[in-house]
C-alpha cells in the first residue's frame, strides 16, 4: 500500500511542527491515542459497531482500521445501554496533551473505505479547560464521509450543543435539553442544536477520496478554514469552507421551527481530536450493510499538528 506522500513535513507559512504521528512503528502509540471516541469507549447511538484495539494495526507507515463482522456478537456500551454488536471496527481519540488549540493547523492524510454502511469521521470535542464558557464548547466536523460508492458524500461543519439560559428559545421543549447549571444547558435533541455546515457538493472538487488525499484545518483566534488536496500539503489549496463568526441556526430539516444564535471562534480552544471508521446501517448513511464487502479497511498515513510561531 503506497500513500503517495512525500516524507517531508512542510508547515504553513508562519507555523512550525508541534506534534503528531507518522505511524512509523509497529503498534499504536497509546501515549497519544486512546481507543474509541471517548475515554470509556462508549459508542454513539445508532452506530452498529464496537471499536476494538485488535481492529487497529500499524504497519508500513500506516494506521489501519479494519471493519468486520464478528463470528460471535461482542459486548459494548452506548451512552445509554449495554449492547451486543455483530460488527467491530477501529476508532481513536487524542489524549489531553495532544489537543487542538487556537492558532494551530491540523493535517491528515488518509484513504477512505468504500463499503456500504461504512461511515468515516474526523472531528473534535471541546474540553472544559480554563475559563471556558458554554458557547465555547463545540464540535468541529473536519469531515464526515459516507463510504458507499453509490452514495459518496463528504461534508464539514460546526455544531454547538451547549447554551446559556437566555439562549433557550421558547419553542425548544424541556425534554430536549439538560440543565448543567443555572446558566448552562445542554441540548440533547439534534434538530435544536446550533449548526453551521457545508453540504456534500464541494464546488470544483476533484479529490478522489478512495485514493490517498490530504485534509487540513486551520484554527486562528478568529476563523476556521477547511482544505482538501489530492497530494501535498492541504494548506496550499484554496479553503473550500470557512467560519468567521456570526449567526448560526439549528439544522431543523423542516421538522421544527428555525432558531438563531450568535457564535464566534472559541478563544480558549482545547479540542480532543477523534478519527473513527463507524458502521451505520441506516439507509441515509449508505446502509444497509453488505457482509460480502467485509472485512474492509481505512488507511491513515499521518496526523500532524502545527502551531503558530510566536512573534
C-alpha atoms as a PDB file:
ATOM      1  CA  UNK A   1       0.000   0.000   0.000  1.00  0.00           C
ATOM      2  CA  UNK A   2       1.607   3.243  -1.155  1.00  0.00           C
ATOM      3  CA  UNK A   3       0.368   6.540   0.256  1.00  0.00           C
ATOM      4  CA  UNK A   4       1.972   8.744  -2.349  1.00  0.00           C
ATOM      5  CA  UNK A   5       3.124  11.070   0.438  1.00  0.00           C
ATOM      6  CA  UNK A   6       6.425  12.923   0.415  1.00  0.00           C
ATOM      7  CA  UNK A   7       8.064  12.288   3.794  1.00  0.00           C
ATOM      8  CA  UNK A   8       8.944  15.997   4.125  1.00  0.00           C
ATOM      9  CA  UNK A   9       6.907  17.683   6.854  1.00  0.00           C
ATOM     10  CA  UNK A  10       6.016  21.085   5.426  1.00  0.00           C
ATOM     11  CA  UNK A  11       4.499  23.708   7.710  1.00  0.00           C
ATOM     12  CA  UNK A  12       2.246  26.528   6.537  1.00  0.00           C
ATOM     13  CA  UNK A  13       3.978  29.934   6.402  1.00  0.00           C
ATOM     14  CA  UNK A  14       4.345  31.295   9.930  1.00  0.00           C
ATOM     15  CA  UNK A  15       3.807  27.901  11.568  1.00  0.00           C
ATOM     16  CA  UNK A  16       6.082  25.174  12.896  1.00  0.00           C
ATOM     17  CA  UNK A  17       5.575  21.474  13.565  1.00  0.00           C
ATOM     18  CA  UNK A  18       4.198  20.797  17.060  1.00  0.00           C
ATOM     19  CA  UNK A  19       3.383  17.088  17.329  1.00  0.00           C
ATOM     20  CA  UNK A  20       1.715  14.245  15.501  1.00  0.00           C
ATOM     21  CA  UNK A  21       2.017  10.628  14.426  1.00  0.00           C
ATOM     22  CA  UNK A  22       3.689   9.245  11.294  1.00  0.00           C
ATOM     23  CA  UNK A  23       2.746   5.658  12.274  1.00  0.00           C
ATOM     24  CA  UNK A  24       6.333   4.554  11.709  1.00  0.00           C
ATOM     25  CA  UNK A  25       6.335   1.835  14.388  1.00  0.00           C
ATOM     26  CA  UNK A  26       4.565  -1.495  14.591  1.00  0.00           C
ATOM     27  CA  UNK A  27       1.841  -0.689  17.142  1.00  0.00           C
ATOM     28  CA  UNK A  28      -0.473   2.135  18.116  1.00  0.00           C
ATOM     29  CA  UNK A  29       1.067   4.899  20.240  1.00  0.00           C
ATOM     30  CA  UNK A  30      -1.132   4.648  23.332  1.00  0.00           C
ATOM     31  CA  UNK A  31       0.504   7.726  24.848  1.00  0.00           C
ATOM     32  CA  UNK A  32      -1.085   9.843  22.132  1.00  0.00           C
ATOM     33  CA  UNK A  33      -4.166   7.787  21.246  1.00  0.00           C
ATOM     34  CA  UNK A  34      -6.979   6.245  23.257  1.00  0.00           C
ATOM     35  CA  UNK A  35      -9.355   3.592  21.934  1.00  0.00           C
ATOM     36  CA  UNK A  36     -12.730   4.810  20.687  1.00  0.00           C
ATOM     37  CA  UNK A  37     -14.128   8.328  20.530  1.00  0.00           C
ATOM     38  CA  UNK A  38     -14.052   8.888  24.293  1.00  0.00           C
ATOM     39  CA  UNK A  39     -12.172   7.617  27.340  1.00  0.00           C
ATOM     40  CA  UNK A  40     -14.765   4.945  28.152  1.00  0.00           C
ATOM     41  CA  UNK A  41     -15.064   3.763  24.540  1.00  0.00           C
ATOM     42  CA  UNK A  42     -18.807   4.439  24.595  1.00  0.00           C
ATOM     43  CA  UNK A  43     -20.381   4.267  21.164  1.00  0.00           C
ATOM     44  CA  UNK A  44     -22.731   6.890  19.758  1.00  0.00           C
ATOM     45  CA  UNK A  45     -26.382   5.915  19.499  1.00  0.00           C
ATOM     46  CA  UNK A  46     -27.479   4.266  16.243  1.00  0.00           C
ATOM     47  CA  UNK A  47     -23.946   3.121  15.357  1.00  0.00           C
ATOM     48  CA  UNK A  48     -23.754  -0.580  14.530  1.00  0.00           C
ATOM     49  CA  UNK A  49     -20.194  -1.496  15.513  1.00  0.00           C
ATOM     50  CA  UNK A  50     -17.942  -1.520  18.560  1.00  0.00           C
ATOM     51  CA  UNK A  51     -14.338  -0.261  18.481  1.00  0.00           C
ATOM     52  CA  UNK A  52     -11.678  -2.861  19.360  1.00  0.00           C
ATOM     53  CA  UNK A  53      -7.946  -2.403  19.752  1.00  0.00           C
ATOM     54  CA  UNK A  54      -7.300  -5.545  17.711  1.00  0.00           C
ATOM     55  CA  UNK A  55      -9.012  -3.859  14.737  1.00  0.00           C
ATOM     56  CA  UNK A  56      -6.325  -1.149  14.709  1.00  0.00           C
ATOM     57  CA  UNK A  57      -2.953  -2.087  13.256  1.00  0.00           C
ATOM     58  CA  UNK A  58       0.184  -0.106  12.420  1.00  0.00           C
ATOM     59  CA  UNK A  59       2.282  -1.348   9.532  1.00  0.00           C
ATOM     60  CA  UNK A  60       4.285   0.056   6.604  1.00  0.00           C
ATOM     61  CA  UNK A  61       3.888   3.615   7.909  1.00  0.00           C
ATOM     62  CA  UNK A  62       0.098   3.417   8.100  1.00  0.00           C
ATOM     63  CA  UNK A  63      -2.549   3.136  10.791  1.00  0.00           C
ATOM     64  CA  UNK A  64      -5.205   0.739   9.512  1.00  0.00           C
ATOM     65  CA  UNK A  65      -8.780   0.436  10.797  1.00  0.00           C
ATOM     66  CA  UNK A  66     -10.413  -2.881   9.872  1.00  0.00           C
ATOM     67  CA  UNK A  67     -14.195  -3.206   9.877  1.00  0.00           C
ATOM     68  CA  UNK A  68     -15.520  -6.756  10.051  1.00  0.00           C
ATOM     69  CA  UNK A  69     -18.385  -8.995  11.067  1.00  0.00           C
ATOM     70  CA  UNK A  70     -17.860 -10.873  14.315  1.00  0.00           C
ATOM     71  CA  UNK A  71     -18.436 -14.649  14.411  1.00  0.00           C
ATOM     72  CA  UNK A  72     -19.899 -14.169  17.900  1.00  0.00           C
ATOM     73  CA  UNK A  73     -21.547 -10.876  18.974  1.00  0.00           C
ATOM     74  CA  UNK A  74     -19.267  -8.590  21.011  1.00  0.00           C
ATOM     75  CA  UNK A  75     -20.250  -6.795  24.211  1.00  0.00           C
ATOM     76  CA  UNK A  76     -20.073  -2.995  24.079  1.00  0.00           C
ATOM     77  CA  UNK A  77     -21.674   0.126  25.504  1.00  0.00           C
ATOM     78  CA  UNK A  78     -23.500   3.114  24.109  1.00  0.00           C
ATOM     79  CA  UNK A  79     -24.201   6.251  26.122  1.00  0.00           C
ATOM     80  CA  UNK A  80     -27.479   4.783  27.360  1.00  0.00           C
ATOM     81  CA  UNK A  81     -27.150   0.975  27.493  1.00  0.00           C
ATOM     82  CA  UNK A  82     -25.075  -2.185  27.167  1.00  0.00           C
ATOM     83  CA  UNK A  83     -25.294  -3.709  23.722  1.00  0.00           C
ATOM     84  CA  UNK A  84     -24.219  -6.710  21.703  1.00  0.00           C
ATOM     85  CA  UNK A  85     -22.596  -5.741  18.406  1.00  0.00           C
ATOM     86  CA  UNK A  86     -22.397  -8.015  15.364  1.00  0.00           C
ATOM     87  CA  UNK A  87     -19.690  -5.814  13.835  1.00  0.00           C
ATOM     88  CA  UNK A  88     -16.418  -4.284  15.022  1.00  0.00           C
ATOM     89  CA  UNK A  89     -14.133  -1.568  13.705  1.00  0.00           C
ATOM     90  CA  UNK A  90     -11.471   0.964  14.683  1.00  0.00           C
ATOM     91  CA  UNK A  91     -11.559   4.425  16.170  1.00  0.00           C
ATOM     92  CA  UNK A  92      -9.190   6.583  18.236  1.00  0.00           C
ATOM     93  CA  UNK A  93      -9.112   9.873  20.118  1.00  0.00           C
ATOM     94  CA  UNK A  94      -6.224  12.082  21.208  1.00  0.00           C
ATOM     95  CA  UNK A  95      -5.290  12.214  24.865  1.00  0.00           C
ATOM     96  CA  UNK A  96      -5.176  15.536  26.756  1.00  0.00           C
ATOM     97  CA  UNK A  97      -1.599  16.505  25.911  1.00  0.00           C
ATOM     98  CA  UNK A  98      -2.422  16.372  22.190  1.00  0.00           C
ATOM     99  CA  UNK A  99      -5.342  18.793  21.939  1.00  0.00           C
ATOM    100  CA  UNK A 100      -6.126  21.045  19.003  1.00  0.00           C
ATOM    101  CA  UNK A 101      -5.725  24.657  20.149  1.00  0.00           C
ATOM    102  CA  UNK A 102      -6.189  28.140  18.733  1.00  0.00           C
ATOM    103  CA  UNK A 103      -3.600  29.209  16.173  1.00  0.00           C
ATOM    104  CA  UNK A 104      -2.873  25.684  15.056  1.00  0.00           C
ATOM    105  CA  UNK A 105      -3.073  23.867  11.737  1.00  0.00           C
ATOM    106  CA  UNK A 106      -4.091  20.188  11.728  1.00  0.00           C
ATOM    107  CA  UNK A 107      -3.387  17.929   8.754  1.00  0.00           C
ATOM    108  CA  UNK A 108      -4.448  14.351   7.981  1.00  0.00           C
ATOM    109  CA  UNK A 109      -3.558  12.123   5.054  1.00  0.00           C
ATOM    110  CA  UNK A 110      -5.756   9.084   4.560  1.00  0.00           C
ATOM    111  CA  UNK A 111      -7.554   6.756   2.168  1.00  0.00           C
ATOM    112  CA  UNK A 112     -11.224   6.233   2.948  1.00  0.00           C
ATOM    113  CA  UNK A 113     -13.176   2.955   2.733  1.00  0.00           C
ATOM    114  CA  UNK A 114     -15.872   2.142   0.172  1.00  0.00           C
ATOM    115  CA  UNK A 115     -18.186  -0.393   1.793  1.00  0.00           C
ATOM    116  CA  UNK A 116     -21.914   0.094   2.222  1.00  0.00           C
ATOM    117  CA  UNK A 117     -22.717   1.346   5.746  1.00  0.00           C
ATOM    118  CA  UNK A 118     -19.103   2.462   6.182  1.00  0.00           C
ATOM    119  CA  UNK A 119     -19.049   5.916   7.781  1.00  0.00           C
ATOM    120  CA  UNK A 120     -15.730   7.669   8.431  1.00  0.00           C
ATOM    121  CA  UNK A 121     -15.344  10.772  10.588  1.00  0.00           C
ATOM    122  CA  UNK A 122     -12.582  13.198  11.552  1.00  0.00           C
ATOM    123  CA  UNK A 123     -13.861  15.554  14.243  1.00  0.00           C
ATOM    124  CA  UNK A 124     -13.309  17.165  17.640  1.00  0.00           C
ATOM    125  CA  UNK A 125     -14.993  17.544  21.019  1.00  0.00           C
ATOM    126  CA  UNK A 126     -14.191  20.538  23.243  1.00  0.00           C
ATOM    127  CA  UNK A 127     -12.804  20.010  26.720  1.00  0.00           C
ATOM    128  CA  UNK A 128     -13.714  22.226  29.687  1.00  0.00           C
ATOM    129  CA  UNK A 129     -10.330  23.800  30.361  1.00  0.00           C
ATOM    130  CA  UNK A 130      -9.515  27.163  31.915  1.00  0.00           C
ATOM    131  CA  UNK A 131     -12.058  29.967  31.666  1.00  0.00           C
ATOM    132  CA  UNK A 132     -14.477  28.054  29.448  1.00  0.00           C
ATOM    133  CA  UNK A 133     -17.981  29.248  28.627  1.00  0.00           C
ATOM    134  CA  UNK A 134     -20.972  27.209  27.367  1.00  0.00           C
ATOM    135  CA  UNK A 135     -20.860  28.882  23.963  1.00  0.00           C
ATOM    136  CA  UNK A 136     -17.177  27.909  23.594  1.00  0.00           C
ATOM    137  CA  UNK A 137     -17.986  24.200  23.680  1.00  0.00           C
ATOM    138  CA  UNK A 138     -18.428  22.983  20.124  1.00  0.00           C
ATOM    139  CA  UNK A 139     -17.992  20.019  17.824  1.00  0.00           C
ATOM    140  CA  UNK A 140     -15.794  20.619  14.797  1.00  0.00           C
ATOM    141  CA  UNK A 141     -16.579  18.243  11.963  1.00  0.00           C
ATOM    142  CA  UNK A 142     -13.442  18.311   9.869  1.00  0.00           C
ATOM    143  CA  UNK A 143     -15.336  15.855   7.698  1.00  0.00           C
ATOM    144  CA  UNK A 144     -17.897  13.089   7.785  1.00  0.00           C
ATOM    145  CA  UNK A 145     -17.926  10.595   4.936  1.00  0.00           C
ATOM    146  CA  UNK A 146     -20.476   8.110   3.601  1.00  0.00           C
ATOM    147  CA  UNK A 147     -18.357   5.358   2.089  1.00  0.00           C
ATOM    148  CA  UNK A 148     -20.892   3.523  -0.088  1.00  0.00           C
ATOM    149  CA  UNK A 149     -19.800   4.087  -3.695  1.00  0.00           C
ATOM    150  CA  UNK A 150     -23.285   4.932  -4.944  1.00  0.00           C
ATOM    151  CA  UNK A 151     -23.886   7.409  -2.080  1.00  0.00           C
ATOM    152  CA  UNK A 152     -20.456   9.015  -1.625  1.00  0.00           C
ATOM    153  CA  UNK A 153     -20.708  12.162   0.484  1.00  0.00           C
ATOM    154  CA  UNK A 154     -18.187  14.246   2.394  1.00  0.00           C
ATOM    155  CA  UNK A 155     -19.293  17.225   4.433  1.00  0.00           C
ATOM    156  CA  UNK A 156     -17.894  19.564   7.059  1.00  0.00           C
ATOM    157  CA  UNK A 157     -19.305  21.827   9.724  1.00  0.00           C
ATOM    158  CA  UNK A 158     -19.661  23.029  13.279  1.00  0.00           C
ATOM    159  CA  UNK A 159     -22.163  22.063  15.963  1.00  0.00           C
ATOM    160  CA  UNK A 160     -22.908  23.772  19.276  1.00  0.00           C
ATOM    161  CA  UNK A 161     -24.664  21.655  21.902  1.00  0.00           C
ATOM    162  CA  UNK A 162     -24.295  23.980  24.923  1.00  0.00           C
ATOM    163  CA  UNK A 163     -26.180  27.201  25.611  1.00  0.00           C
ATOM    164  CA  UNK A 164     -26.754  29.868  28.238  1.00  0.00           C
ATOM    165  CA  UNK A 165     -30.155  30.268  29.877  1.00  0.00           C
ATOM    166  CA  UNK A 166     -31.067  33.339  27.818  1.00  0.00           C
ATOM    167  CA  UNK A 167     -30.309  31.416  24.606  1.00  0.00           C
ATOM    168  CA  UNK A 168     -33.003  28.800  25.150  1.00  0.00           C
ATOM    169  CA  UNK A 169     -35.755  29.715  22.705  1.00  0.00           C
ATOM    170  CA  UNK A 170     -39.300  29.276  23.993  1.00  0.00           C
ATOM    171  CA  UNK A 171     -40.093  26.765  21.259  1.00  0.00           C
ATOM    172  CA  UNK A 172     -37.460  24.254  22.409  1.00  0.00           C
ATOM    173  CA  UNK A 173     -39.244  21.686  24.624  1.00  0.00           C
ATOM    174  CA  UNK A 174     -37.839  20.997  28.094  1.00  0.00           C
ATOM    175  CA  UNK A 175     -37.383  17.305  27.266  1.00  0.00           C
ATOM    176  CA  UNK A 176     -34.846  18.334  24.623  1.00  0.00           C
ATOM    177  CA  UNK A 177     -32.272  19.872  26.977  1.00  0.00           C
ATOM    178  CA  UNK A 178     -30.476  19.106  30.225  1.00  0.00           C
ATOM    179  CA  UNK A 179     -29.642  21.685  32.897  1.00  0.00           C
ATOM    180  CA  UNK A 180     -25.922  21.630  33.771  1.00  0.00           C
ATOM    181  CA  UNK A 181     -26.049  24.754  35.937  1.00  0.00           C
ATOM    182  CA  UNK A 182     -28.200  27.867  36.275  1.00  0.00           C
ATOM    183  CA  UNK A 183     -26.570  29.308  33.164  1.00  0.00           C
ATOM    184  CA  UNK A 184     -25.517  26.203  31.252  1.00  0.00           C
ATOM    185  CA  UNK A 185     -27.890  23.954  29.323  1.00  0.00           C
ATOM    186  CA  UNK A 186     -27.011  21.043  27.053  1.00  0.00           C
ATOM    187  CA  UNK A 187     -29.381  20.440  24.134  1.00  0.00           C
ATOM    188  CA  UNK A 188     -29.753  16.715  23.536  1.00  0.00           C
ATOM    189  CA  UNK A 189     -32.067  16.646  20.505  1.00  0.00           C
ATOM    190  CA  UNK A 190     -30.148  17.237  17.274  1.00  0.00           C
ATOM    191  CA  UNK A 191     -32.786  19.321  15.472  1.00  0.00           C
ATOM    192  CA  UNK A 192     -32.474  22.033  18.152  1.00  0.00           C
ATOM    193  CA  UNK A 193     -28.670  22.295  18.177  1.00  0.00           C
ATOM    194  CA  UNK A 194     -26.922  25.221  16.502  1.00  0.00           C
ATOM    195  CA  UNK A 195     -25.172  24.332  13.259  1.00  0.00           C
ATOM    196  CA  UNK A 196     -23.013  25.859  10.566  1.00  0.00           C
ATOM    197  CA  UNK A 197     -22.157  23.483   7.762  1.00  0.00           C
ATOM    198  CA  UNK A 198     -21.148  22.683   4.232  1.00  0.00           C
ATOM    199  CA  UNK A 199     -23.139  20.323   2.037  1.00  0.00           C
ATOM    200  CA  UNK A 200     -21.633  17.295   0.362  1.00  0.00           C
ATOM    201  CA  UNK A 201     -21.282  19.030  -3.012  1.00  0.00           C
ATOM    202  CA  UNK A 202     -17.942  20.836  -2.823  1.00  0.00           C
ATOM    203  CA  UNK A 203     -17.772  23.153  -5.812  1.00  0.00           C
ATOM    204  CA  UNK A 204     -14.872  22.323  -8.082  1.00  0.00           C
ATOM    205  CA  UNK A 205     -13.785  19.330  -6.013  1.00  0.00           C
ATOM    206  CA  UNK A 206     -11.551  16.923  -7.929  1.00  0.00           C
ATOM    207  CA  UNK A 207     -10.272  14.964  -4.951  1.00  0.00           C
ATOM    208  CA  UNK A 208     -10.757  11.196  -5.075  1.00  0.00           C
ATOM    209  CA  UNK A 209     -11.488  10.125  -1.511  1.00  0.00           C
ATOM    210  CA  UNK A 210     -10.917   6.466  -2.385  1.00  0.00           C
ATOM    211  CA  UNK A 211      -7.247   7.236  -3.044  1.00  0.00           C
ATOM    212  CA  UNK A 212      -4.901   8.858  -0.565  1.00  0.00           C
ATOM    213  CA  UNK A 213      -5.724  12.541  -0.111  1.00  0.00           C
ATOM    214  CA  UNK A 214      -4.795  15.301   2.334  1.00  0.00           C
ATOM    215  CA  UNK A 215      -7.171  17.239   4.585  1.00  0.00           C
ATOM    216  CA  UNK A 216      -6.295  20.366   6.576  1.00  0.00           C
ATOM    217  CA  UNK A 217      -7.964  22.545   9.214  1.00  0.00           C
ATOM    218  CA  UNK A 218      -6.560  25.876  10.359  1.00  0.00           C
ATOM    219  CA  UNK A 219      -7.856  27.458  13.571  1.00  0.00           C
ATOM    220  CA  UNK A 220      -6.938  31.063  14.339  1.00  0.00           C
ATOM    221  CA  UNK A 221      -8.398  33.250  17.081  1.00  0.00           C
ATOM    222  CA  UNK A 222     -10.999  34.482  14.614  1.00  0.00           C
ATOM    223  CA  UNK A 223     -11.568  31.898  11.856  1.00  0.00           C
ATOM    224  CA  UNK A 224     -11.730  28.243  10.862  1.00  0.00           C
ATOM    225  CA  UNK A 225     -10.508  27.164   7.396  1.00  0.00           C
ATOM    226  CA  UNK A 226     -11.042  23.725   5.781  1.00  0.00           C
ATOM    227  CA  UNK A 227      -8.743  22.449   2.970  1.00  0.00           C
ATOM    228  CA  UNK A 228      -8.584  19.452   0.604  1.00  0.00           C
ATOM    229  CA  UNK A 229      -5.845  18.266  -1.758  1.00  0.00           C
ATOM    230  CA  UNK A 230      -5.108  15.004  -3.517  1.00  0.00           C
ATOM    231  CA  UNK A 231      -1.374  15.287  -2.885  1.00  0.00           C
ATOM    232  CA  UNK A 232       0.946  17.526  -0.941  1.00  0.00           C
ATOM    233  CA  UNK A 233       0.042  19.842   1.958  1.00  0.00           C
ATOM    234  CA  UNK A 234      -3.650  20.698   2.002  1.00  0.00           C
ATOM    235  CA  UNK A 235      -2.968  24.289   3.082  1.00  0.00           C
ATOM    236  CA  UNK A 236      -1.537  25.017  -0.377  1.00  0.00           C
ATOM    237  CA  UNK A 237      -5.059  24.702  -1.809  1.00  0.00           C
ATOM    238  CA  UNK A 238      -7.788  27.311  -1.503  1.00  0.00           C
ATOM    239  CA  UNK A 239     -10.058  26.689   1.516  1.00  0.00           C
ATOM    240  CA  UNK A 240     -13.348  25.143   0.444  1.00  0.00           C
ATOM    241  CA  UNK A 241     -15.137  26.265   3.619  1.00  0.00           C
ATOM    242  CA  UNK A 242     -14.603  28.711   6.461  1.00  0.00           C
ATOM    243  CA  UNK A 243     -16.270  30.233   9.512  1.00  0.00           C
ATOM    244  CA  UNK A 244     -15.570  33.724  10.810  1.00  0.00           C
ATOM    245  CA  UNK A 245     -18.298  34.027  13.418  1.00  0.00           C
ATOM    246  CA  UNK A 246     -21.824  35.359  13.119  1.00  0.00           C
ATOM    247  CA  UNK A 247     -25.311  33.941  13.042  1.00  0.00           C
ATOM    248  CA  UNK A 248     -25.794  30.175  13.206  1.00  0.00           C
ATOM    249  CA  UNK A 249     -29.051  28.215  13.074  1.00  0.00           C
ATOM    250  CA  UNK A 250     -30.432  24.840  14.060  1.00  0.00           C
ATOM    251  CA  UNK A 251     -30.484  22.259  11.281  1.00  0.00           C
ATOM    252  CA  UNK A 252     -34.209  21.655  11.501  1.00  0.00           C
ATOM    253  CA  UNK A 253     -34.699  19.501   8.384  1.00  0.00           C
ATOM    254  CA  UNK A 254     -38.109  21.211   8.182  1.00  0.00           C
ATOM    255  CA  UNK A 255     -39.277  19.278  11.253  1.00  0.00           C
ATOM    256  CA  UNK A 256     -39.224  22.088  13.824  1.00  0.00           C
ATOM    257  CA  UNK A 257     -39.030  25.882  13.880  1.00  0.00           C
ATOM    258  CA  UNK A 258     -35.812  27.633  12.886  1.00  0.00           C
ATOM    259  CA  UNK A 259     -33.827  29.488  15.547  1.00  0.00           C
ATOM    260  CA  UNK A 260     -30.735  31.697  15.506  1.00  0.00           C
ATOM    261  CA  UNK A 261     -27.760  32.228  17.786  1.00  0.00           C
ATOM    262  CA  UNK A 262     -24.563  34.292  17.612  1.00  0.00           C
ATOM    263  CA  UNK A 263     -21.304  32.331  17.759  1.00  0.00           C
ATOM    264  CA  UNK A 264     -17.612  33.033  17.276  1.00  0.00           C
ATOM    265  CA  UNK A 265     -14.407  31.009  17.274  1.00  0.00           C
ATOM    266  CA  UNK A 266     -13.616  29.996  20.888  1.00  0.00           C
ATOM    267  CA  UNK A 267     -10.747  31.987  22.377  1.00  0.00           C
ATOM    268  CA  UNK A 268      -9.556  29.119  24.566  1.00  0.00           C
ATOM    269  CA  UNK A 269      -9.987  26.061  22.372  1.00  0.00           C
ATOM    270  CA  UNK A 270      -8.931  22.717  23.854  1.00  0.00           C
ATOM    271  CA  UNK A 271     -10.290  20.082  21.478  1.00  0.00           C
ATOM    272  CA  UNK A 272      -9.929  16.317  21.610  1.00  0.00           C
ATOM    273  CA  UNK A 273      -9.447  15.014  18.074  1.00  0.00           C
ATOM    274  CA  UNK A 274     -11.346  11.881  17.006  1.00  0.00           C
ATOM    275  CA  UNK A 275     -10.781   9.669  13.985  1.00  0.00           C
ATOM    276  CA  UNK A 276     -13.129   6.743  13.510  1.00  0.00           C
ATOM    277  CA  UNK A 277     -14.471   4.254  10.977  1.00  0.00           C
ATOM    278  CA  UNK A 278     -18.036   3.662  12.090  1.00  0.00           C
ATOM    279  CA  UNK A 279     -20.784   1.486  10.688  1.00  0.00           C
ATOM    280  CA  UNK A 280     -24.234   2.962  10.251  1.00  0.00           C
ATOM    281  CA  UNK A 281     -26.786   0.572   8.847  1.00  0.00           C
ATOM    282  CA  UNK A 282     -29.286   3.367   8.165  1.00  0.00           C
ATOM    283  CA  UNK A 283     -30.142   3.973   4.513  1.00  0.00           C
ATOM    284  CA  UNK A 284     -29.258   7.708   4.734  1.00  0.00           C
ATOM    285  CA  UNK A 285     -25.740   6.728   5.818  1.00  0.00           C
ATOM    286  CA  UNK A 286     -25.111   4.321   2.951  1.00  0.00           C
ATOM    287  CA  UNK A 287     -26.630   1.204   4.507  1.00  0.00           C
ATOM    288  CA  UNK A 288     -27.706  -1.482   4.672  1.00  0.00           C
ATOM    289  CA  UNK A 289     -24.576  -3.470   5.490  1.00  0.00           C
ATOM    290  CA  UNK A 290     -23.337  -5.898   2.832  1.00  0.00           C
ATOM    291  CA  UNK A 291     -21.370  -8.633   4.569  1.00  0.00           C
ATOM    292  CA  UNK A 292     -19.695  -9.725   1.339  1.00  0.00           C
ATOM    293  CA  UNK A 293     -17.799  -6.387   1.346  1.00  0.00           C
ATOM    294  CA  UNK A 294     -16.217  -7.161   4.713  1.00  0.00           C
ATOM    295  CA  UNK A 295     -13.600  -7.040   6.060  1.00  0.00           C
ATOM    296  CA  UNK A 296     -12.978  -3.510   4.805  1.00  0.00           C
ATOM    297  CA  UNK A 297     -10.149  -1.133   5.675  1.00  0.00           C
ATOM    298  CA  UNK A 298      -9.441   2.558   6.167  1.00  0.00           C
ATOM    299  CA  UNK A 299      -5.820   3.753   5.910  1.00  0.00           C
ATOM    300  CA  UNK A 300      -4.231   6.714   7.736  1.00  0.00           C
ATOM    301  CA  UNK A 301      -0.796   7.902   6.609  1.00  0.00           C
ATOM    302  CA  UNK A 302      -0.212  10.615   9.200  1.00  0.00           C
ATOM    303  CA  UNK A 303      -1.812  13.100  11.611  1.00  0.00           C
ATOM    304  CA  UNK A 304       0.184  16.335  12.090  1.00  0.00           C
ATOM    305  CA  UNK A 305      -0.298  19.386  14.317  1.00  0.00           C
ATOM    306  CA  UNK A 306       1.441  22.687  13.591  1.00  0.00           C
ATOM    307  CA  UNK A 307       1.465  25.772  15.825  1.00  0.00           C
ATOM    308  CA  UNK A 308       1.781  29.444  15.034  1.00  0.00           C
ATOM    309  CA  UNK A 309       5.317  30.721  15.591  1.00  0.00           C
ATOM    310  CA  UNK A 310       5.354  33.241  18.426  1.00  0.00           C
ATOM    311  CA  UNK A 311       6.462  36.681  17.316  1.00  0.00           C
END
